[in-house]
Amino acid sequence: MSDSKTDCSDLPAKDAHSGEHILVTTDFSAESFMAFPEARKLISLLGERNTRVSLVTVLEDLVVTSVEFEFGLSLVDPVGMMDLAVKEANDRISKLAVEHFRDIPVDTSVIRATHTVDREIINFALGRGVTLIVMSTHGRTGLRHFLLGSVAEKIIRQAQCPVMVIPSQKKADVRK
């Protein structure tokens, strides 16, 4: 995968909305929720009437971890499983929008990944005229970071708009 910026000359121009468009990402982890209060602060500063908000999650392909056996045959329905996962994700993201962005109009989207998570988020941002991406990190270090990489880092390198990254946990004040 290339770290180069995507040419968006063939993508649709920003929508007619004249204000800011903030994209807030979530993977439903506690770490991802750390970005919500910061996004609310920004929305408040920019003015709710001048700001569009999109709350987005990306679902990757499911890996079957259990198989049901009946009459000696394994019964696996990955399409049905993914459809159920999308329905549950839509329910969860709608509840998060109400719970964390009360009184703010929020568009919610569940994206079924056909690319990597970072690429899906960047494509969403480019296609919708997003002016700021707000997300958190998971705080992985060492071998886990090396093996799993960082979606936030990839988005920072490739995004065409500013990216605000919120640490997954408050760091201790090192000033003495």
Protein backbone atom coordinates (compact mmCIF):
# COMPACT_ATOMS: atom_id res chain seq x y z
CA MET A 1 0.00 0.00 0.00
CA SER A 2 1.33 3.39 -0.95
CA ASP A 3 1.64 6.25 1.50
CA SER A 4 1.10 8.83 -1.22
CA LYS A 5 -1.81 11.23 -1.10
CA THR A 6 -4.82 10.33 -3.19
CA ASP A 7 -5.58 12.56 -6.17
CA CYS A 8 -9.15 13.68 -5.66
CA SER A 9 -9.56 15.71 -8.87
CA ASP A 10 -12.09 13.20 -10.17
CA LEU A 11 -14.11 13.10 -6.95
CA PRO A 12 -17.22 15.22 -6.43
CA ALA A 13 -16.68 18.69 -5.03
CA LYS A 14 -17.71 19.55 -1.49
CA ASP A 15 -21.42 19.52 -0.95
CA ALA A 16 -23.44 22.70 -0.81
CA HIS A 17 -23.05 22.88 2.99
CA SER A 18 -20.96 25.97 3.61
CA GLY A 19 -19.59 25.14 7.07
CA GLU A 20 -17.27 22.53 8.47
CA HIS A 21 -17.78 18.79 8.11
CA ILE A 22 -16.31 16.77 10.96
CA LEU A 23 -15.84 13.02 10.59
CA VAL A 24 -15.67 11.16 13.91
CA THR A 25 -14.55 7.54 13.73
CA THR A 26 -15.34 4.66 16.06
CA ASP A 27 -14.63 0.95 16.22
CA PHE A 28 -16.91 0.65 19.28
CA SER A 29 -13.94 0.28 21.62
CA ALA A 30 -13.63 2.29 24.82
CA GLU A 31 -10.52 3.90 23.31
CA SER A 32 -12.43 5.18 20.30
CA PHE A 33 -14.99 6.85 22.57
CA MET A 34 -12.21 9.11 23.90
CA ALA A 35 -12.57 11.21 20.72
CA PHE A 36 -16.25 12.02 21.30
CA PRO A 37 -15.89 14.73 24.02
CA GLU A 38 -13.19 16.46 21.99
CA ALA A 39 -15.37 16.38 18.88
CA ARG A 40 -18.24 17.90 20.89
CA LYS A 41 -15.96 20.71 22.07
CA LEU A 42 -14.98 21.48 18.48
CA ILE A 43 -18.60 21.42 17.32
CA SER A 44 -19.49 23.81 20.12
CA LEU A 45 -16.66 26.18 19.17
CA LEU A 46 -17.52 26.09 15.46
CA GLY A 47 -21.24 26.41 16.04
CA GLU A 48 -23.69 23.57 15.58
CA ARG A 49 -25.47 25.34 12.72
CA ASN A 50 -22.22 25.69 10.79
CA THR A 51 -21.02 22.13 11.32
CA ARG A 52 -21.99 18.81 9.81
CA VAL A 53 -21.03 15.72 11.80
CA SER A 54 -20.59 12.19 10.49
CA LEU A 55 -20.04 9.31 12.90
CA VAL A 56 -18.53 6.39 10.99
CA THR A 57 -17.44 2.83 11.64
CA VAL A 58 -15.84 0.40 9.23
CA LEU A 59 -16.64 -3.31 9.35
CA GLU A 60 -14.01 -5.65 7.99
CA ASP A 61 -14.79 -9.15 6.74
CA LEU A 62 -15.73 -11.51 9.52
CA VAL A 63 -13.56 -14.46 10.35
CA VAL A 64 -15.61 -17.51 11.21
CA THR A 65 -14.51 -18.70 14.63
CA SER A 66 -17.12 -21.35 15.23
CA VAL A 67 -18.95 -23.72 12.97
CA GLU A 68 -22.27 -25.39 13.65
CA PHE A 69 -22.47 -29.04 12.65
CA GLU A 70 -25.74 -30.69 11.73
CA PHE A 71 -26.06 -34.14 10.17
CA GLY A 72 -22.29 -34.25 9.68
CA LEU A 73 -22.26 -31.04 7.61
CA SER A 74 -20.83 -27.71 8.65
CA LEU A 75 -23.29 -24.86 8.32
CA VAL A 76 -21.61 -21.49 7.88
CA ASP A 77 -23.44 -18.49 6.49
CA PRO A 78 -20.82 -15.71 6.20
CA VAL A 79 -23.21 -13.48 4.21
CA GLY A 80 -25.89 -13.81 6.86
CA MET A 81 -23.31 -13.23 9.58
CA MET A 82 -22.08 -10.05 7.89
CA ASP A 83 -25.62 -8.79 7.35
CA LEU A 84 -26.30 -9.34 11.05
CA ALA A 85 -23.04 -7.57 11.97
CA VAL A 86 -24.02 -4.57 9.80
CA LYS A 87 -27.48 -4.42 11.39
CA GLU A 88 -25.98 -4.56 14.89
CA ALA A 89 -23.37 -1.93 13.99
CA ASN A 90 -26.11 0.38 12.65
CA ASP A 91 -28.03 -0.03 15.91
CA ARG A 92 -24.93 0.63 18.01
CA ILE A 93 -23.76 3.65 16.05
CA SER A 94 -27.23 5.21 16.15
CA LYS A 95 -27.31 4.79 19.94
CA LEU A 96 -23.82 6.30 20.23
CA ALA A 97 -24.89 9.32 18.19
CA VAL A 98 -27.83 9.95 20.54
CA GLU A 99 -25.83 9.23 23.69
CA HIS A 100 -22.70 11.25 22.90
CA PHE A 101 -23.94 13.93 20.48
CA ARG A 102 -27.32 14.73 22.00
CA ASP A 103 -28.94 17.81 20.41
CA ILE A 104 -26.46 17.75 17.51
CA PRO A 105 -27.59 16.41 14.14
CA VAL A 106 -25.28 13.50 13.30
CA ASP A 107 -25.19 11.38 10.16
CA THR A 108 -24.18 7.81 10.95
CA SER A 109 -22.57 5.38 8.52
CA VAL A 110 -21.51 1.77 8.69
CA ILE A 111 -19.06 0.99 5.90
CA ARG A 112 -18.56 -2.60 4.77
CA ALA A 113 -14.86 -2.63 3.99
CA THR A 114 -13.67 -3.48 0.52
CA HIS A 115 -10.29 -1.88 1.29
CA THR A 116 -8.26 -1.37 4.46
CA VAL A 117 -9.92 0.57 7.29
CA ASP A 118 -7.68 3.61 6.76
CA ARG A 119 -8.45 3.66 3.02
CA GLU A 120 -12.21 3.41 3.68
CA ILE A 121 -12.09 6.35 6.10
CA ILE A 122 -10.02 8.44 3.68
CA ASN A 123 -12.36 7.61 0.79
CA PHE A 124 -15.36 8.58 2.90
CA ALA A 125 -13.71 11.88 3.84
CA LEU A 126 -12.77 12.68 0.25
CA GLY A 127 -16.16 11.76 -1.14
CA ARG A 128 -18.12 13.78 1.42
CA GLY A 129 -16.05 16.97 1.64
CA VAL A 130 -14.90 16.30 5.20
CA THR A 131 -12.84 19.20 6.57
CA LEU A 132 -11.57 17.48 9.76
CA ILE A 133 -11.21 13.88 10.92
CA VAL A 134 -11.38 13.29 14.69
CA MET A 135 -10.25 9.91 15.98
CA SER A 136 -8.47 8.28 18.89
CA THR A 137 -5.54 5.94 19.08
CA HIS A 138 -5.47 2.58 20.81
CA GLY A 139 -2.12 3.31 22.39
CA ARG A 140 -0.40 0.18 21.13
CA THR A 141 3.35 0.10 21.49
CA GLY A 142 6.18 -2.28 20.79
CA LEU A 143 5.51 -5.53 18.97
CA ARG A 144 1.71 -5.08 18.89
CA HIS A 145 2.14 -1.70 17.18
CA PHE A 146 4.68 -3.16 14.75
CA LEU A 147 2.45 -6.10 13.84
CA LEU A 148 -0.91 -4.34 13.80
CA GLY A 149 0.20 -0.91 12.64
CA SER A 150 -1.76 2.18 13.38
CA VAL A 151 -4.84 3.18 11.43
CA ALA A 152 -4.46 6.69 12.86
CA GLU A 153 -0.88 6.98 11.55
CA LYS A 154 -1.91 5.85 8.08
CA ILE A 155 -4.78 8.32 8.00
CA ILE A 156 -2.54 11.17 9.16
CA ARG A 157 -0.10 10.41 6.33
CA GLN A 158 -2.73 10.07 3.62
CA ALA A 159 -5.60 12.40 4.53
CA GLN A 160 -6.17 15.56 2.53
CA CYS A 161 -7.74 17.33 5.50
CA PRO A 162 -6.50 17.90 9.06
CA VAL A 163 -6.67 14.96 11.45
CA MET A 164 -7.14 15.42 15.18
CA VAL A 165 -5.89 12.38 17.10
CA ILE A 166 -6.89 11.91 20.72
CA PRO A 167 -4.69 9.69 22.90
CA SER A 168 -6.49 6.62 24.21
CA GLN A 169 -5.57 7.49 27.77
CA LYS A 170 -4.43 10.58 29.57
CA LYS A 171 -0.66 10.72 29.84
CA ALA A 172 0.86 11.57 33.18
CA ASP A 173 2.09 15.14 33.46
CA VAL A 174 5.87 14.87 33.10
CA ARG A 175 6.56 18.49 34.08
CA LYS A 176 7.85 18.89 37.59
